[in-house]
Amino acid sequence: MKFSSQVRFVEKWILLTLIAIFWLLTTQVSLANPDYYAQAGSNQQNISQDIYLRNCSSCHIPLPAQILPTESWQKILNSSQNHYGVALPTSVKVSANFIWIYLKNNSRPSVVGETLPKYVSNSRYLKALHPNVQLPKPANHNSCQSCHPLAQQLDYFNVGEL
């Protein structure tokens, strides 16, 4: 019993070390840089968005955080064993805290009485942004690319020919 708890401690230590190394390598920020702490807030947001993009866009187009309420994103992240019928890879589970920082800071709160959407097609925000657009049926997160050619880079402002 004691041996297994020591193994778990070592596994957690290794995992935290790998996350720290990954963060340092991806941020290209030197801790010796005197401006590091002044930039920390904006860097955290940039890092979180980059990790969101790298992880989520490896399987599907990344969705703007605002498209779903914060509570919906929280449920999605908390159900990593059943992410729309698929278990998320370990790399996404390791990055979940960074992804959550991005989604929490950029998503919208739900409105009192709003049914929390599980799917993008049920989002009131999506419907409000597309009032006169005939969305494909069934609409899903991959449908976006037909009008938003740069959606893979999280750019939904550039709209292609309708």
Protein backbone atom coordinates (compact mmCIF):
# COMPACT_ATOMS: atom_id res chain seq x y z
CA MET A 1 0.00 0.00 0.00
CA LYS A 2 2.76 2.43 0.92
CA PHE A 3 4.62 1.62 -2.29
CA SER A 4 1.61 2.50 -4.48
CA SER A 5 1.22 5.89 -2.78
CA GLN A 6 4.91 6.59 -3.39
CA VAL A 7 4.45 5.67 -7.06
CA ARG A 8 1.46 8.03 -7.34
CA PHE A 9 3.49 10.83 -5.75
CA VAL A 10 6.33 10.28 -8.24
CA GLU A 11 3.85 10.16 -11.15
CA LYS A 12 2.28 13.47 -10.04
CA TRP A 13 5.71 15.05 -9.61
CA ILE A 14 6.78 13.92 -13.09
CA LEU A 15 3.50 15.20 -14.58
CA LEU A 16 3.88 18.63 -12.94
CA THR A 17 7.50 18.81 -14.07
CA LEU A 18 6.49 18.01 -17.67
CA ILE A 19 3.76 20.66 -17.57
CA ALA A 20 6.26 23.24 -16.29
CA ILE A 21 8.79 22.32 -18.99
CA PHE A 22 6.09 22.45 -21.68
CA TRP A 23 4.98 25.86 -20.44
CA LEU A 24 8.50 27.24 -20.41
CA LEU A 25 9.22 25.92 -23.90
CA THR A 26 5.98 27.18 -25.42
CA THR A 27 6.05 30.64 -23.87
CA GLN A 28 9.62 31.41 -24.93
CA VAL A 29 9.79 33.65 -21.87
CA SER A 30 12.87 33.81 -19.72
CA LEU A 31 12.23 33.90 -15.99
CA ALA A 32 15.29 36.16 -15.73
CA ASN A 33 13.51 38.78 -17.84
CA PRO A 34 12.61 41.72 -15.54
CA ASP A 35 9.41 42.35 -17.54
CA TYR A 36 8.28 38.76 -17.03
CA TYR A 37 6.01 39.49 -14.07
CA ALA A 38 4.55 42.58 -15.71
CA GLN A 39 3.62 40.48 -18.72
CA ALA A 40 2.36 37.50 -16.70
CA GLY A 41 -1.36 38.32 -16.95
CA SER A 42 -1.43 38.76 -20.71
CA ASN A 43 0.99 35.86 -21.21
CA GLN A 44 -1.24 33.56 -19.18
CA GLN A 45 -4.17 34.45 -21.43
CA ASN A 46 -2.10 33.96 -24.59
CA ILE A 47 -0.68 30.68 -23.31
CA SER A 48 -4.12 29.43 -22.35
CA GLN A 49 -5.57 30.33 -25.76
CA ASP A 50 -2.64 28.67 -27.52
CA ILE A 51 -3.06 25.48 -25.49
CA TYR A 52 -6.81 25.56 -26.21
CA LEU A 53 -6.11 25.88 -29.93
CA ARG A 54 -3.44 23.18 -30.00
CA ASN A 55 -5.50 20.65 -28.09
CA CYS A 56 -9.01 21.23 -29.36
CA SER A 57 -8.22 21.94 -33.00
CA SER A 58 -6.33 18.67 -33.27
CA CYS A 59 -9.74 16.92 -33.48
CA HIS A 60 -12.21 19.62 -34.56
CA ILE A 61 -12.32 23.32 -35.30
CA PRO A 62 -11.89 25.41 -32.18
CA LEU A 63 -15.03 27.20 -31.14
CA PRO A 64 -15.07 30.76 -29.86
CA ALA A 65 -15.42 30.59 -26.09
CA GLN A 66 -18.35 33.03 -26.21
CA ILE A 67 -20.50 30.61 -28.20
CA LEU A 68 -21.34 28.63 -25.05
CA PRO A 69 -21.92 29.77 -21.48
CA THR A 70 -19.16 29.22 -18.94
CA GLU A 71 -21.22 26.53 -17.24
CA SER A 72 -21.50 24.53 -20.47
CA TRP A 73 -17.73 24.67 -20.99
CA GLN A 74 -17.21 23.52 -17.41
CA LYS A 75 -19.43 20.48 -17.98
CA ILE A 76 -17.62 19.69 -21.22
CA LEU A 77 -14.21 19.83 -19.55
CA ASN A 78 -15.39 17.80 -16.58
CA SER A 79 -16.60 14.98 -18.80
CA SER A 80 -13.26 14.09 -20.38
CA GLN A 81 -14.10 10.37 -20.35
CA ASN A 82 -17.12 11.03 -22.56
CA HIS A 83 -16.44 14.04 -24.77
CA TYR A 84 -19.33 13.62 -27.17
CA GLY A 85 -18.78 9.86 -27.23
CA VAL A 86 -14.96 9.96 -27.21
CA ALA A 87 -12.49 9.79 -24.32
CA LEU A 88 -10.12 12.73 -24.54
CA PRO A 89 -6.41 11.93 -24.94
CA THR A 90 -4.15 12.29 -21.93
CA SER A 91 -2.52 15.39 -23.43
CA VAL A 92 -5.85 17.24 -23.29
CA LYS A 93 -6.48 16.08 -19.72
CA VAL A 94 -3.06 17.39 -18.69
CA SER A 95 -3.78 20.74 -20.36
CA ALA A 96 -7.34 21.03 -19.01
CA ASN A 97 -6.45 23.67 -16.40
CA PHE A 98 -4.93 25.95 -19.04
CA ILE A 99 -7.88 25.34 -21.35
CA TRP A 100 -10.26 26.16 -18.50
CA ILE A 101 -8.45 29.47 -17.84
CA TYR A 102 -9.01 30.48 -21.46
CA LEU A 103 -12.64 29.35 -21.58
CA LYS A 104 -13.57 30.82 -18.19
CA ASN A 105 -12.05 34.21 -19.06
CA ASN A 106 -13.60 34.40 -22.53
CA SER A 107 -16.95 32.65 -22.31
CA ARG A 108 -20.18 34.32 -21.35
CA PRO A 109 -22.31 33.74 -18.27
CA SER A 110 -25.60 31.99 -18.74
CA VAL A 111 -28.77 34.04 -18.54
CA VAL A 112 -31.21 33.30 -15.73
CA GLY A 113 -33.62 30.65 -17.01
CA GLU A 114 -31.41 29.73 -19.97
CA THR A 115 -31.18 26.04 -20.73
CA LEU A 116 -27.48 25.25 -20.84
CA PRO A 117 -26.66 24.18 -24.39
CA LYS A 118 -24.65 21.00 -24.78
CA TYR A 119 -24.24 21.51 -28.52
CA VAL A 120 -23.31 24.58 -30.53
CA SER A 121 -26.50 24.25 -32.58
CA ASN A 122 -28.50 24.93 -29.38
CA SER A 123 -26.57 28.09 -28.48
CA ARG A 124 -28.68 31.23 -28.28
CA TYR A 125 -25.50 33.20 -29.01
CA LEU A 126 -24.98 31.34 -32.29
CA LYS A 127 -28.59 32.03 -33.27
CA ALA A 128 -28.27 35.72 -32.35
CA LEU A 129 -25.11 36.10 -34.48
CA HIS A 130 -26.71 34.36 -37.49
CA PRO A 131 -30.25 35.82 -37.67
CA ASN A 132 -30.69 35.55 -41.44
CA VAL A 133 -28.37 32.64 -42.14
CA GLN A 134 -29.71 29.26 -43.17
CA LEU A 135 -27.55 27.02 -41.03
CA PRO A 136 -26.97 23.49 -42.30
CA LYS A 137 -29.03 20.78 -40.70
CA PRO A 138 -27.76 19.33 -38.56
CA ALA A 139 -25.51 22.24 -37.68
CA ASN A 140 -22.37 21.27 -35.83
CA HIS A 141 -18.99 22.76 -35.03
CA ASN A 142 -17.56 21.63 -38.38
CA SER A 143 -20.32 23.41 -40.32
CA CYS A 144 -18.69 26.75 -39.47
CA GLN A 145 -15.91 26.35 -42.02
CA SER A 146 -18.29 26.67 -44.96
CA CYS A 147 -18.64 30.40 -44.16
CA HIS A 148 -15.65 30.98 -41.90
CA PRO A 149 -12.62 29.70 -43.82
CA LEU A 150 -10.18 30.67 -41.04
CA ALA A 151 -12.18 29.04 -38.24
CA GLN A 152 -9.35 26.54 -37.68
CA GLN A 153 -7.26 29.49 -36.42
CA LEU A 154 -10.16 30.75 -34.25
CA ASP A 155 -10.79 33.59 -36.71
CA TYR A 156 -14.54 33.90 -37.21
CA PHE A 157 -14.45 37.52 -38.37
CA ASN A 158 -13.32 36.73 -41.91
CA VAL A 159 -16.36 35.48 -43.73
CA GLY A 160 -16.16 33.79 -47.12
CA GLU A 161 -18.70 33.90 -49.88
CA LEU A 162 -22.15 32.84 -48.70
